[in-house]
Amino acid sequence: MNSFRIAIASTLFLAITLTNCKRTNVTPNPGSSAPTRDNNLAMGNPSNAGTTDPNNFLMDKVLYYVGYNASRATPNWVSWHLSKAWK
């Protein structure tokens, strides 16, 4: 029963987080040569996620990419890029 509660709480947290993310451009510090948006898939797409398979669904967010699994209601993987522009 406890693992069920954890699963429900995790699913709700993920759903709230993903629905409240808005796509905006990231503006680096003035004088920085960094691009306006980091390449969050610079290392590739590990599961070749796309938009047709609900168990390997690619979500493009402002700060990260998610390979999402709808049947488990959890991400398969998450990818993001950290840079000095975020300081």
C-alpha atoms as a PDB file:
ATOM      1  CA  MET A   1       0.000   0.000   0.000  1.00  0.00           C
ATOM      2  CA  ASN A   2       2.876   2.365   0.772  1.00  0.00           C
ATOM      3  CA  SER A   3       4.454   1.812  -2.672  1.00  0.00           C
ATOM      4  CA  PHE A   4       1.064   2.575  -4.252  1.00  0.00           C
ATOM      5  CA  ARG A   5       0.944   5.926  -2.436  1.00  0.00           C
ATOM      6  CA  ILE A   6       4.484   6.722  -3.554  1.00  0.00           C
ATOM      7  CA  ALA A   7       3.578   5.867  -7.152  1.00  0.00           C
ATOM      8  CA  ILE A   8       0.482   8.081  -7.039  1.00  0.00           C
ATOM      9  CA  ALA A   9       2.414  10.965  -5.472  1.00  0.00           C
ATOM     10  CA  SER A  10       5.212  10.634  -8.047  1.00  0.00           C
ATOM     11  CA  THR A  11       2.724  10.575 -10.912  1.00  0.00           C
ATOM     12  CA  LEU A  12       0.923  13.658  -9.632  1.00  0.00           C
ATOM     13  CA  PHE A  13       4.211  15.510  -9.122  1.00  0.00           C
ATOM     14  CA  LEU A  14       5.358  14.664 -12.655  1.00  0.00           C
ATOM     15  CA  ALA A  15       1.992  15.597 -14.177  1.00  0.00           C
ATOM     16  CA  ILE A  16       1.935  18.954 -12.388  1.00  0.00           C
ATOM     17  CA  THR A  17       5.548  19.664 -13.283  1.00  0.00           C
ATOM     18  CA  LEU A  18       5.130  18.810 -16.960  1.00  0.00           C
ATOM     19  CA  THR A  19       1.879  20.720 -17.417  1.00  0.00           C
ATOM     20  CA  ASN A  20       3.215  23.878 -15.762  1.00  0.00           C
ATOM     21  CA  CYS A  21       6.344  24.140 -17.920  1.00  0.00           C
ATOM     22  CA  LYS A  22       6.138  26.887 -20.497  1.00  0.00           C
ATOM     23  CA  ARG A  23       8.348  27.174 -23.558  1.00  0.00           C
ATOM     24  CA  THR A  24      10.444  30.311 -23.367  1.00  0.00           C
ATOM     25  CA  ASN A  25      13.848  31.266 -24.667  1.00  0.00           C
ATOM     26  CA  VAL A  26      16.709  31.370 -22.221  1.00  0.00           C
ATOM     27  CA  THR A  27      18.600  34.643 -22.309  1.00  0.00           C
ATOM     28  CA  PRO A  28      22.285  34.365 -21.392  1.00  0.00           C
ATOM     29  CA  ASN A  29      24.220  36.968 -19.446  1.00  0.00           C
ATOM     30  CA  PRO A  30      24.960  40.160 -21.413  1.00  0.00           C
ATOM     31  CA  GLY A  31      28.177  39.837 -23.374  1.00  0.00           C
ATOM     32  CA  SER A  32      28.007  36.058 -23.368  1.00  0.00           C
ATOM     33  CA  SER A  33      28.458  34.236 -26.653  1.00  0.00           C
ATOM     34  CA  ALA A  34      26.207  31.379 -25.503  1.00  0.00           C
ATOM     35  CA  PRO A  35      23.152  30.592 -27.636  1.00  0.00           C
ATOM     36  CA  THR A  36      19.715  31.634 -26.429  1.00  0.00           C
ATOM     37  CA  ARG A  37      18.773  27.996 -25.819  1.00  0.00           C
ATOM     38  CA  ASP A  38      21.055  25.154 -24.788  1.00  0.00           C
ATOM     39  CA  ASN A  39      21.097  21.929 -26.788  1.00  0.00           C
ATOM     40  CA  ASN A  40      19.561  19.546 -24.275  1.00  0.00           C
ATOM     41  CA  LEU A  41      19.977  16.587 -26.647  1.00  0.00           C
ATOM     42  CA  ALA A  42      23.653  17.220 -27.353  1.00  0.00           C
ATOM     43  CA  MET A  43      24.506  13.661 -26.300  1.00  0.00           C
ATOM     44  CA  GLY A  44      21.686  12.164 -28.379  1.00  0.00           C
ATOM     45  CA  ASN A  45      18.306  10.523 -27.886  1.00  0.00           C
ATOM     46  CA  PRO A  46      19.102   7.275 -26.013  1.00  0.00           C
ATOM     47  CA  SER A  47      15.853   5.431 -26.836  1.00  0.00           C
ATOM     48  CA  ASN A  48      15.060   7.143 -30.166  1.00  0.00           C
ATOM     49  CA  ALA A  49      11.908   8.537 -28.547  1.00  0.00           C
ATOM     50  CA  GLY A  50       9.409  10.217 -30.825  1.00  0.00           C
ATOM     51  CA  THR A  51       5.822  11.412 -30.825  1.00  0.00           C
ATOM     52  CA  THR A  52       4.033   8.226 -31.938  1.00  0.00           C
ATOM     53  CA  ASP A  53       4.778   5.672 -29.180  1.00  0.00           C
ATOM     54  CA  PRO A  54       3.159   6.585 -25.829  1.00  0.00           C
ATOM     55  CA  ASN A  55       5.675   4.380 -23.974  1.00  0.00           C
ATOM     56  CA  ASN A  56       8.642   6.109 -25.607  1.00  0.00           C
ATOM     57  CA  PHE A  57       7.253   9.631 -26.051  1.00  0.00           C
ATOM     58  CA  LEU A  58       9.660  12.544 -26.559  1.00  0.00           C
ATOM     59  CA  MET A  59       8.739  15.708 -24.646  1.00  0.00           C
ATOM     60  CA  ASP A  60      10.657  18.862 -25.563  1.00  0.00           C
ATOM     61  CA  LYS A  61      10.655  21.232 -22.589  1.00  0.00           C
ATOM     62  CA  VAL A  62      12.508  24.519 -22.219  1.00  0.00           C
ATOM     63  CA  LEU A  63      15.057  23.227 -19.751  1.00  0.00           C
ATOM     64  CA  TYR A  64      15.154  19.523 -20.614  1.00  0.00           C
ATOM     65  CA  TYR A  65      13.969  16.650 -22.809  1.00  0.00           C
ATOM     66  CA  VAL A  66      12.060  13.658 -21.450  1.00  0.00           C
ATOM     67  CA  GLY A  67      11.584  10.206 -22.910  1.00  0.00           C
ATOM     68  CA  TYR A  68       8.248   9.478 -21.191  1.00  0.00           C
ATOM     69  CA  ASN A  69       6.565   6.102 -20.582  1.00  0.00           C
ATOM     70  CA  ALA A  70       2.772   6.531 -20.306  1.00  0.00           C
ATOM     71  CA  SER A  71       2.023   2.983 -19.132  1.00  0.00           C
ATOM     72  CA  ARG A  72       4.376   3.356 -16.157  1.00  0.00           C
ATOM     73  CA  ALA A  73       3.710   7.091 -15.749  1.00  0.00           C
ATOM     74  CA  THR A  74       7.456   7.713 -15.347  1.00  0.00           C
ATOM     75  CA  PRO A  75      10.235   9.018 -17.542  1.00  0.00           C
ATOM     76  CA  ASN A  76      12.456   6.502 -19.310  1.00  0.00           C
ATOM     77  CA  TRP A  77      15.214   9.118 -19.291  1.00  0.00           C
ATOM     78  CA  VAL A  78      15.760  12.862 -18.885  1.00  0.00           C
ATOM     79  CA  SER A  79      18.418  14.947 -20.609  1.00  0.00           C
ATOM     80  CA  TRP A  80      19.515  18.515 -19.936  1.00  0.00           C
ATOM     81  CA  HIS A  81      22.527  20.688 -20.581  1.00  0.00           C
ATOM     82  CA  LEU A  82      24.124  22.830 -17.930  1.00  0.00           C
ATOM     83  CA  SER A  83      26.195  25.810 -18.962  1.00  0.00           C
ATOM     84  CA  LYS A  84      27.734  28.970 -17.581  1.00  0.00           C
ATOM     85  CA  ALA A  85      24.867  30.940 -19.148  1.00  0.00           C
ATOM     86  CA  TRP A  86      22.628  29.664 -16.321  1.00  0.00           C
ATOM     87  CA  LYS A  87      24.685  31.360 -13.597  1.00  0.00           C
END
